[in-house]
Amino acid sequence: MILYEYPFNERIRTLLRLEDLFERLAFFLSQEDPREHHVALTTLFEIAEVAGRADLKSDLMKELERQRQTLAPFRGNPGIEQNALEAVLGEIEQTLANLGQMQGKTGQHLLDNEWLGSIRSRAVIPGGTCKFDLPSYYAWQQWPAEQRRQDITKWAMPLLPLRDAATIVLRLARESGQASKVMAMQGSYQQMLSGRTYQLMQVRVPPELHVIPEASANKYMLWVRFTVQDGDVRPRAVDIDVPFQLTLCNL
């Protein structure tokens, strides 16, 4: 099954973006070629920009504290797997402590680094990081891969508490949902929400159908419409019945 996820609010949208960027950073950082490490570095700049939203850190701390207070009363409950509960609570408490130790504006250490700033300003220009534009950056790219990797890891370290917090919040949100099998008649599906608030919708579709879900929702109803893309043309609506799995997640 192919999984598509749709956020219902700006906070979850931001966390999904951060998750995607950190996964991209991890992938390209693990590679060896200087061009792959260039992608890792520019991805780090993107992370700093997304994470630099003024209230993101405080939002994450409030949500983690809320989850801690929700889960802590289950300690000693015989119906709850205590080892798993303690692992989650320990993870939350450690991440809260790490977030609390973050000082100043998120990503400020990157802004304060003049050399990284010169790379960042040139990276937004198509072809702007050629060796004649940034000879010092080109020289750094000729260093051994492990040394480059250590540098990028060092620059990413101050942002990792945000990654860990986003991972916990998204995992708890995803685990809160229960998948149900539904059918989009002639490619379209609607469901009343009865005023319930959700943070995230997951749609899983069989890969052999080659369909693409498009979703929208408000506090009363959600819509899922399936399309298909043929070649270079825009996706078009399908008129076949599409079986899929729907999960609504609510922290």
C-alpha atoms as a PDB file:
ATOM      1  CA  MET A   1       0.000   0.000   0.000  1.00  0.00           C
ATOM      2  CA  ILE A   2       1.155   3.524  -0.797  1.00  0.00           C
ATOM      3  CA  LEU A   3       0.699   5.923   2.120  1.00  0.00           C
ATOM      4  CA  TYR A   4      -0.394   9.539   1.656  1.00  0.00           C
ATOM      5  CA  GLU A   5      -0.695  11.881   4.632  1.00  0.00           C
ATOM      6  CA  TYR A   6      -2.681  15.116   4.862  1.00  0.00           C
ATOM      7  CA  PRO A   7      -2.272  17.525   7.806  1.00  0.00           C
ATOM      8  CA  PHE A   8      -5.353  19.250   9.175  1.00  0.00           C
ATOM      9  CA  ASN A   9      -3.528  22.181  10.784  1.00  0.00           C
ATOM     10  CA  GLU A  10      -0.411  24.300  10.370  1.00  0.00           C
ATOM     11  CA  ARG A  11       1.473  22.722  13.278  1.00  0.00           C
ATOM     12  CA  ILE A  12       1.266  19.192  11.869  1.00  0.00           C
ATOM     13  CA  ARG A  13       2.059  20.559   8.408  1.00  0.00           C
ATOM     14  CA  THR A  14       5.268  22.088   9.788  1.00  0.00           C
ATOM     15  CA  LEU A  15       6.221  18.884  11.612  1.00  0.00           C
ATOM     16  CA  LEU A  16       5.720  16.813   8.459  1.00  0.00           C
ATOM     17  CA  ARG A  17       7.961  19.213   6.562  1.00  0.00           C
ATOM     18  CA  LEU A  18      10.625  18.935   9.250  1.00  0.00           C
ATOM     19  CA  GLU A  19      10.379  15.144   9.222  1.00  0.00           C
ATOM     20  CA  ASP A  20      10.835  15.057   5.452  1.00  0.00           C
ATOM     21  CA  LEU A  21      13.801  17.437   5.577  1.00  0.00           C
ATOM     22  CA  PHE A  22      15.566  15.549   8.378  1.00  0.00           C
ATOM     23  CA  GLU A  23      15.102  12.270   6.481  1.00  0.00           C
ATOM     24  CA  ARG A  24      16.606  13.878   3.381  1.00  0.00           C
ATOM     25  CA  LEU A  25      19.495  15.239   5.452  1.00  0.00           C
ATOM     26  CA  ALA A  26      20.204  11.803   6.939  1.00  0.00           C
ATOM     27  CA  PHE A  27      20.161  10.140   3.518  1.00  0.00           C
ATOM     28  CA  PHE A  28      22.510  12.541   1.747  1.00  0.00           C
ATOM     29  CA  LEU A  29      24.780  12.881   4.780  1.00  0.00           C
ATOM     30  CA  SER A  30      25.370   9.123   4.722  1.00  0.00           C
ATOM     31  CA  GLN A  31      26.654   9.305   1.136  1.00  0.00           C
ATOM     32  CA  GLU A  32      30.237   9.945   0.018  1.00  0.00           C
ATOM     33  CA  ASP A  33      30.167  12.266  -2.989  1.00  0.00           C
ATOM     34  CA  PRO A  34      30.721  16.034  -2.453  1.00  0.00           C
ATOM     35  CA  ARG A  35      27.616  16.779  -4.521  1.00  0.00           C
ATOM     36  CA  GLU A  36      25.541  14.658  -2.164  1.00  0.00           C
ATOM     37  CA  HIS A  37      26.978  16.511   0.816  1.00  0.00           C
ATOM     38  CA  HIS A  38      26.088  19.764  -0.946  1.00  0.00           C
ATOM     39  CA  VAL A  39      22.463  18.611  -0.940  1.00  0.00           C
ATOM     40  CA  ALA A  40      22.803  17.687   2.742  1.00  0.00           C
ATOM     41  CA  LEU A  41      24.098  21.172   3.571  1.00  0.00           C
ATOM     42  CA  THR A  42      21.408  23.014   1.606  1.00  0.00           C
ATOM     43  CA  THR A  43      18.831  20.767   3.276  1.00  0.00           C
ATOM     44  CA  LEU A  44      20.214  21.864   6.638  1.00  0.00           C
ATOM     45  CA  PHE A  45      19.607  25.471   5.592  1.00  0.00           C
ATOM     46  CA  GLU A  46      16.000  24.551   4.760  1.00  0.00           C
ATOM     47  CA  ILE A  47      15.573  22.898   8.158  1.00  0.00           C
ATOM     48  CA  ALA A  48      16.819  26.020   9.911  1.00  0.00           C
ATOM     49  CA  GLU A  49      14.370  28.145   7.939  1.00  0.00           C
ATOM     50  CA  VAL A  50      11.376  25.927   8.730  1.00  0.00           C
ATOM     51  CA  ALA A  51      12.418  25.455  12.362  1.00  0.00           C
ATOM     52  CA  GLY A  52      13.058  29.159  12.833  1.00  0.00           C
ATOM     53  CA  ARG A  53       9.368  29.853  13.293  1.00  0.00           C
ATOM     54  CA  ALA A  54       9.213  31.741  16.574  1.00  0.00           C
ATOM     55  CA  ASP A  55       6.668  29.553  18.376  1.00  0.00           C
ATOM     56  CA  LEU A  56       7.694  26.097  17.116  1.00  0.00           C
ATOM     57  CA  LYS A  57       9.891  25.206  20.085  1.00  0.00           C
ATOM     58  CA  SER A  58       7.306  26.362  22.629  1.00  0.00           C
ATOM     59  CA  ASP A  59       4.521  24.554  20.738  1.00  0.00           C
ATOM     60  CA  LEU A  60       6.494  21.309  20.838  1.00  0.00           C
ATOM     61  CA  MET A  61       7.278  21.680  24.526  1.00  0.00           C
ATOM     62  CA  LYS A  62       3.623  22.317  25.351  1.00  0.00           C
ATOM     63  CA  GLU A  63       2.496  19.302  23.327  1.00  0.00           C
ATOM     64  CA  LEU A  64       5.106  16.997  24.849  1.00  0.00           C
ATOM     65  CA  GLU A  65       4.197  18.164  28.350  1.00  0.00           C
ATOM     66  CA  ARG A  66       0.519  17.547  27.586  1.00  0.00           C
ATOM     67  CA  GLN A  67       1.321  14.033  26.404  1.00  0.00           C
ATOM     68  CA  ARG A  68       3.467  13.413  29.491  1.00  0.00           C
ATOM     69  CA  GLN A  69       0.624  14.445  31.786  1.00  0.00           C
ATOM     70  CA  THR A  70      -1.793  12.250  29.832  1.00  0.00           C
ATOM     71  CA  LEU A  71       0.408   9.144  29.980  1.00  0.00           C
ATOM     72  CA  ALA A  72       1.922   9.441  33.475  1.00  0.00           C
ATOM     73  CA  PRO A  73      -1.292   8.411  35.339  1.00  0.00           C
ATOM     74  CA  PHE A  74      -1.146   5.020  33.570  1.00  0.00           C
ATOM     75  CA  ARG A  75       1.939   4.060  35.583  1.00  0.00           C
ATOM     76  CA  GLY A  76       1.047   1.007  37.634  1.00  0.00           C
ATOM     77  CA  ASN A  77      -2.055   0.236  35.567  1.00  0.00           C
ATOM     78  CA  PRO A  78      -2.067  -3.569  35.080  1.00  0.00           C
ATOM     79  CA  GLY A  79      -3.777  -3.192  31.714  1.00  0.00           C
ATOM     80  CA  ILE A  80      -0.877  -1.184  30.295  1.00  0.00           C
ATOM     81  CA  GLU A  81       2.484  -2.587  29.194  1.00  0.00           C
ATOM     82  CA  GLN A  82       4.687  -0.795  31.722  1.00  0.00           C
ATOM     83  CA  ASN A  83       8.000  -1.207  29.904  1.00  0.00           C
ATOM     84  CA  ALA A  84       6.591   0.410  26.768  1.00  0.00           C
ATOM     85  CA  LEU A  85       4.980   3.180  28.812  1.00  0.00           C
ATOM     86  CA  GLU A  86       8.212   3.948  30.666  1.00  0.00           C
ATOM     87  CA  ALA A  87      10.119   4.000  27.382  1.00  0.00           C
ATOM     88  CA  VAL A  88       7.741   6.580  25.899  1.00  0.00           C
ATOM     89  CA  LEU A  89       7.711   8.710  29.047  1.00  0.00           C
ATOM     90  CA  GLY A  90      11.493   8.565  29.270  1.00  0.00           C
ATOM     91  CA  GLU A  91      11.783   9.632  25.650  1.00  0.00           C
ATOM     92  CA  ILE A  92       9.385  12.534  26.214  1.00  0.00           C
ATOM     93  CA  GLU A  93      11.157  13.694  29.383  1.00  0.00           C
ATOM     94  CA  GLN A  94      14.604  13.538  27.768  1.00  0.00           C
ATOM     95  CA  THR A  95      13.415  15.455  24.718  1.00  0.00           C
ATOM     96  CA  LEU A  96      11.756  18.083  26.913  1.00  0.00           C
ATOM     97  CA  ALA A  97      15.044  18.530  28.759  1.00  0.00           C
ATOM     98  CA  ASN A  98      16.959  18.853  25.484  1.00  0.00           C
ATOM     99  CA  LEU A  99      14.494  21.415  24.145  1.00  0.00           C
ATOM    100  CA  GLY A 100      14.807  23.384  27.361  1.00  0.00           C
ATOM    101  CA  GLN A 101      18.567  23.584  26.867  1.00  0.00           C
ATOM    102  CA  MET A 102      18.243  25.195  23.435  1.00  0.00           C
ATOM    103  CA  GLN A 103      19.400  28.789  23.770  1.00  0.00           C
ATOM    104  CA  GLY A 104      18.576  31.787  21.607  1.00  0.00           C
ATOM    105  CA  LYS A 105      16.878  31.819  18.230  1.00  0.00           C
ATOM    106  CA  THR A 106      16.593  28.468  16.480  1.00  0.00           C
ATOM    107  CA  GLY A 107      19.299  28.157  13.832  1.00  0.00           C
ATOM    108  CA  GLN A 108      21.127  31.280  15.004  1.00  0.00           C
ATOM    109  CA  HIS A 109      24.437  29.377  15.037  1.00  0.00           C
ATOM    110  CA  LEU A 110      24.124  28.999  11.264  1.00  0.00           C
ATOM    111  CA  LEU A 111      23.349  32.689  10.791  1.00  0.00           C
ATOM    112  CA  ASP A 112      26.340  33.645  12.936  1.00  0.00           C
ATOM    113  CA  ASN A 113      28.710  31.592  10.778  1.00  0.00           C
ATOM    114  CA  GLU A 114      29.810  34.003   8.021  1.00  0.00           C
ATOM    115  CA  TRP A 115      31.248  31.246   5.863  1.00  0.00           C
ATOM    116  CA  LEU A 116      28.033  29.206   5.951  1.00  0.00           C
ATOM    117  CA  GLY A 117      26.112  32.423   5.352  1.00  0.00           C
ATOM    118  CA  SER A 118      28.039  33.031   2.140  1.00  0.00           C
ATOM    119  CA  ILE A 119      27.193  29.512   0.945  1.00  0.00           C
ATOM    120  CA  ARG A 120      23.557  29.911   1.934  1.00  0.00           C
ATOM    121  CA  SER A 121      23.178  33.195   0.041  1.00  0.00           C
ATOM    122  CA  ARG A 122      24.761  31.737  -3.104  1.00  0.00           C
ATOM    123  CA  ALA A 123      22.864  28.428  -2.899  1.00  0.00           C
ATOM    124  CA  VAL A 124      19.547  30.129  -3.726  1.00  0.00           C
ATOM    125  CA  ILE A 125      21.019  31.324  -7.065  1.00  0.00           C
ATOM    126  CA  PRO A 126      20.843  28.725  -9.873  1.00  0.00           C
ATOM    127  CA  GLY A 127      24.407  27.503 -10.316  1.00  0.00           C
ATOM    128  CA  GLY A 128      25.524  29.972  -7.669  1.00  0.00           C
ATOM    129  CA  THR A 129      27.915  27.662  -5.815  1.00  0.00           C
ATOM    130  CA  CYS A 130      30.346  26.973  -8.652  1.00  0.00           C
ATOM    131  CA  LYS A 131      34.023  26.731  -7.738  1.00  0.00           C
ATOM    132  CA  PHE A 132      34.767  30.224  -9.125  1.00  0.00           C
ATOM    133  CA  ASP A 133      31.954  31.703  -6.977  1.00  0.00           C
ATOM    134  CA  LEU A 134      32.964  30.016  -3.728  1.00  0.00           C
ATOM    135  CA  PRO A 135      36.530  28.678  -3.984  1.00  0.00           C
ATOM    136  CA  SER A 136      36.709  28.060  -0.226  1.00  0.00           C
ATOM    137  CA  TYR A 137      33.550  25.937  -0.426  1.00  0.00           C
ATOM    138  CA  TYR A 138      35.011  24.032  -3.376  1.00  0.00           C
ATOM    139  CA  ALA A 139      38.153  23.400  -1.329  1.00  0.00           C
ATOM    140  CA  TRP A 140      36.022  22.083   1.555  1.00  0.00           C
ATOM    141  CA  GLN A 141      34.262  19.747  -0.871  1.00  0.00           C
ATOM    142  CA  GLN A 142      37.627  18.176  -1.691  1.00  0.00           C
ATOM    143  CA  TRP A 143      38.166  17.157   1.929  1.00  0.00           C
ATOM    144  CA  PRO A 144      37.648  13.491   2.897  1.00  0.00           C
ATOM    145  CA  ALA A 145      33.983  12.501   3.049  1.00  0.00           C
ATOM    146  CA  GLU A 146      34.162  11.646   6.751  1.00  0.00           C
ATOM    147  CA  GLN A 147      35.512  15.100   7.598  1.00  0.00           C
ATOM    148  CA  ARG A 148      32.737  16.793   5.632  1.00  0.00           C
ATOM    149  CA  ARG A 149      30.226  14.516   7.338  1.00  0.00           C
ATOM    150  CA  GLN A 150      31.537  15.473  10.759  1.00  0.00           C
ATOM    151  CA  ASP A 151      31.242  19.174   9.924  1.00  0.00           C
ATOM    152  CA  ILE A 152      27.637  18.918   8.733  1.00  0.00           C
ATOM    153  CA  THR A 153      26.759  16.764  11.742  1.00  0.00           C
ATOM    154  CA  LYS A 154      28.265  19.407  14.040  1.00  0.00           C
ATOM    155  CA  TRP A 155      26.204  22.157  12.378  1.00  0.00           C
ATOM    156  CA  ALA A 156      23.041  20.040  12.590  1.00  0.00           C
ATOM    157  CA  MET A 157      23.443  19.036  16.259  1.00  0.00           C
ATOM    158  CA  PRO A 158      21.738  22.117  17.808  1.00  0.00           C
ATOM    159  CA  LEU A 159      18.609  21.369  15.744  1.00  0.00           C
ATOM    160  CA  LEU A 160      18.290  17.696  16.678  1.00  0.00           C
ATOM    161  CA  PRO A 161      16.043  18.252  19.738  1.00  0.00           C
ATOM    162  CA  LEU A 162      13.434  19.649  17.332  1.00  0.00           C
ATOM    163  CA  ARG A 163      13.771  16.551  15.161  1.00  0.00           C
ATOM    164  CA  ASP A 164      13.315  14.276  18.173  1.00  0.00           C
ATOM    165  CA  ALA A 165      10.295  16.242  19.399  1.00  0.00           C
ATOM    166  CA  ALA A 166       8.658  16.225  15.966  1.00  0.00           C
ATOM    167  CA  THR A 167       9.268  12.473  15.698  1.00  0.00           C
ATOM    168  CA  ILE A 168       7.538  11.801  19.029  1.00  0.00           C
ATOM    169  CA  VAL A 169       4.525  14.019  18.310  1.00  0.00           C
ATOM    170  CA  LEU A 170       3.992  12.577  14.828  1.00  0.00           C
ATOM    171  CA  ARG A 171       4.411   9.005  16.092  1.00  0.00           C
ATOM    172  CA  LEU A 172       1.845   9.509  18.855  1.00  0.00           C
ATOM    173  CA  ALA A 173      -0.535  11.114  16.374  1.00  0.00           C
ATOM    174  CA  ARG A 174      -0.171   8.275  13.880  1.00  0.00           C
ATOM    175  CA  GLU A 175      -0.621   5.631  16.568  1.00  0.00           C
ATOM    176  CA  SER A 176      -3.858   7.267  17.721  1.00  0.00           C
ATOM    177  CA  GLY A 177      -5.696   6.399  14.511  1.00  0.00           C
ATOM    178  CA  GLN A 178      -7.579   3.252  13.558  1.00  0.00           C
ATOM    179  CA  ALA A 179      -7.511   2.279   9.881  1.00  0.00           C
ATOM    180  CA  SER A 180     -10.810   1.475   8.192  1.00  0.00           C
ATOM    181  CA  LYS A 181     -11.451   0.009   4.754  1.00  0.00           C
ATOM    182  CA  VAL A 182     -13.663   2.238   2.628  1.00  0.00           C
ATOM    183  CA  MET A 183     -14.663   2.627  -1.012  1.00  0.00           C
ATOM    184  CA  ALA A 184     -14.536   5.750  -3.140  1.00  0.00           C
ATOM    185  CA  MET A 185     -17.516   5.302  -5.443  1.00  0.00           C
ATOM    186  CA  GLN A 186     -16.607   6.480  -8.936  1.00  0.00           C
ATOM    187  CA  GLY A 187     -13.407   7.880  -7.488  1.00  0.00           C
ATOM    188  CA  SER A 188     -14.996  10.108  -4.840  1.00  0.00           C
ATOM    189  CA  TYR A 189     -15.448   9.678  -1.077  1.00  0.00           C
ATOM    190  CA  GLN A 190     -17.066  11.871   1.580  1.00  0.00           C
ATOM    191  CA  GLN A 191     -17.342  11.402   5.336  1.00  0.00           C
ATOM    192  CA  MET A 192     -19.051  13.472   7.993  1.00  0.00           C
ATOM    193  CA  LEU A 193     -16.789  14.417  10.903  1.00  0.00           C
ATOM    194  CA  SER A 194     -19.574  15.444  13.300  1.00  0.00           C
ATOM    195  CA  GLY A 195     -17.505  18.308  14.649  1.00  0.00           C
ATOM    196  CA  ARG A 196     -14.640  16.089  15.842  1.00  0.00           C
ATOM    197  CA  THR A 197     -11.166  17.582  15.513  1.00  0.00           C
ATOM    198  CA  TYR A 198      -8.389  15.633  13.827  1.00  0.00           C
ATOM    199  CA  GLN A 199      -4.753  16.493  13.230  1.00  0.00           C
ATOM    200  CA  LEU A 200      -3.854  14.104  10.442  1.00  0.00           C
ATOM    201  CA  MET A 201      -5.469  11.958   7.769  1.00  0.00           C
ATOM    202  CA  GLN A 202      -3.778   8.915   6.259  1.00  0.00           C
ATOM    203  CA  VAL A 203      -4.858   7.394   2.955  1.00  0.00           C
ATOM    204  CA  ARG A 204      -3.420   4.054   1.824  1.00  0.00           C
ATOM    205  CA  VAL A 205      -4.059   2.929  -1.741  1.00  0.00           C
ATOM    206  CA  PRO A 206      -3.094  -0.257  -3.620  1.00  0.00           C
ATOM    207  CA  PRO A 207      -0.088   0.537  -5.845  1.00  0.00           C
ATOM    208  CA  GLU A 208      -1.474  -1.431  -8.769  1.00  0.00           C
ATOM    209  CA  LEU A 209      -4.352   1.042  -9.181  1.00  0.00           C
ATOM    210  CA  HIS A 210      -1.966   3.911 -10.019  1.00  0.00           C
ATOM    211  CA  VAL A 211      -4.346   6.453  -8.492  1.00  0.00           C
ATOM    212  CA  ILE A 212      -3.484   9.646  -6.623  1.00  0.00           C
ATOM    213  CA  PRO A 213      -5.674  10.855  -3.729  1.00  0.00           C
ATOM    214  CA  GLU A 214      -6.506  14.532  -3.372  1.00  0.00           C
ATOM    215  CA  ALA A 215      -8.005  15.451  -0.013  1.00  0.00           C
ATOM    216  CA  SER A 216      -9.660  18.413   1.654  1.00  0.00           C
ATOM    217  CA  ALA A 217     -11.533  18.810   4.918  1.00  0.00           C
ATOM    218  CA  ASN A 218     -13.214  21.187   7.298  1.00  0.00           C
ATOM    219  CA  LYS A 219     -14.608  20.595  10.783  1.00  0.00           C
ATOM    220  CA  TYR A 220     -17.779  19.047   9.369  1.00  0.00           C
ATOM    221  CA  MET A 221     -16.718  16.868   6.431  1.00  0.00           C
ATOM    222  CA  LEU A 222     -13.762  15.430   4.561  1.00  0.00           C
ATOM    223  CA  TRP A 223     -13.466  14.695   0.867  1.00  0.00           C
ATOM    224  CA  VAL A 224     -11.116  12.344  -0.958  1.00  0.00           C
ATOM    225  CA  ARG A 225     -11.040  12.415  -4.733  1.00  0.00           C
ATOM    226  CA  PHE A 226      -8.873  10.084  -6.761  1.00  0.00           C
ATOM    227  CA  THR A 227      -7.061  11.102  -9.912  1.00  0.00           C
ATOM    228  CA  VAL A 228      -4.695   9.467 -12.365  1.00  0.00           C
ATOM    229  CA  GLN A 229      -1.840  10.985 -14.314  1.00  0.00           C
ATOM    230  CA  ASP A 230      -1.143   9.968 -17.893  1.00  0.00           C
ATOM    231  CA  GLY A 231       2.184  11.123 -19.269  1.00  0.00           C
ATOM    232  CA  ASP A 232       2.782  14.867 -19.159  1.00  0.00           C
ATOM    233  CA  VAL A 233      -0.828  15.985 -18.782  1.00  0.00           C
ATOM    234  CA  ARG A 234      -2.391  17.178 -15.545  1.00  0.00           C
ATOM    235  CA  PRO A 235      -3.971  14.530 -13.285  1.00  0.00           C
ATOM    236  CA  ARG A 236      -7.578  13.802 -14.215  1.00  0.00           C
ATOM    237  CA  ALA A 237     -10.403  12.477 -12.073  1.00  0.00           C
ATOM    238  CA  VAL A 238     -11.117   8.758 -12.285  1.00  0.00           C
ATOM    239  CA  ASP A 239     -14.617   7.297 -12.565  1.00  0.00           C
ATOM    240  CA  ILE A 240     -13.894   3.832 -11.165  1.00  0.00           C
ATOM    241  CA  ASP A 241     -14.581   2.570  -7.647  1.00  0.00           C
ATOM    242  CA  VAL A 242     -11.390   2.794  -5.583  1.00  0.00           C
ATOM    243  CA  PRO A 243     -10.902   0.687  -2.423  1.00  0.00           C
ATOM    244  CA  PHE A 244      -8.571   2.300   0.097  1.00  0.00           C
ATOM    245  CA  GLN A 245      -7.747   2.523   3.794  1.00  0.00           C
ATOM    246  CA  LEU A 246      -8.580   5.689   5.715  1.00  0.00           C
ATOM    247  CA  THR A 247      -7.091   6.619   9.094  1.00  0.00           C
ATOM    248  CA  LEU A 248      -8.038   9.724  11.067  1.00  0.00           C
ATOM    249  CA  CYS A 249      -5.534  10.669  13.764  1.00  0.00           C
ATOM    250  CA  ASN A 250      -6.304  12.747  16.831  1.00  0.00           C
ATOM    251  CA  LEU A 251      -3.757  13.411  19.587  1.00  0.00           C
END
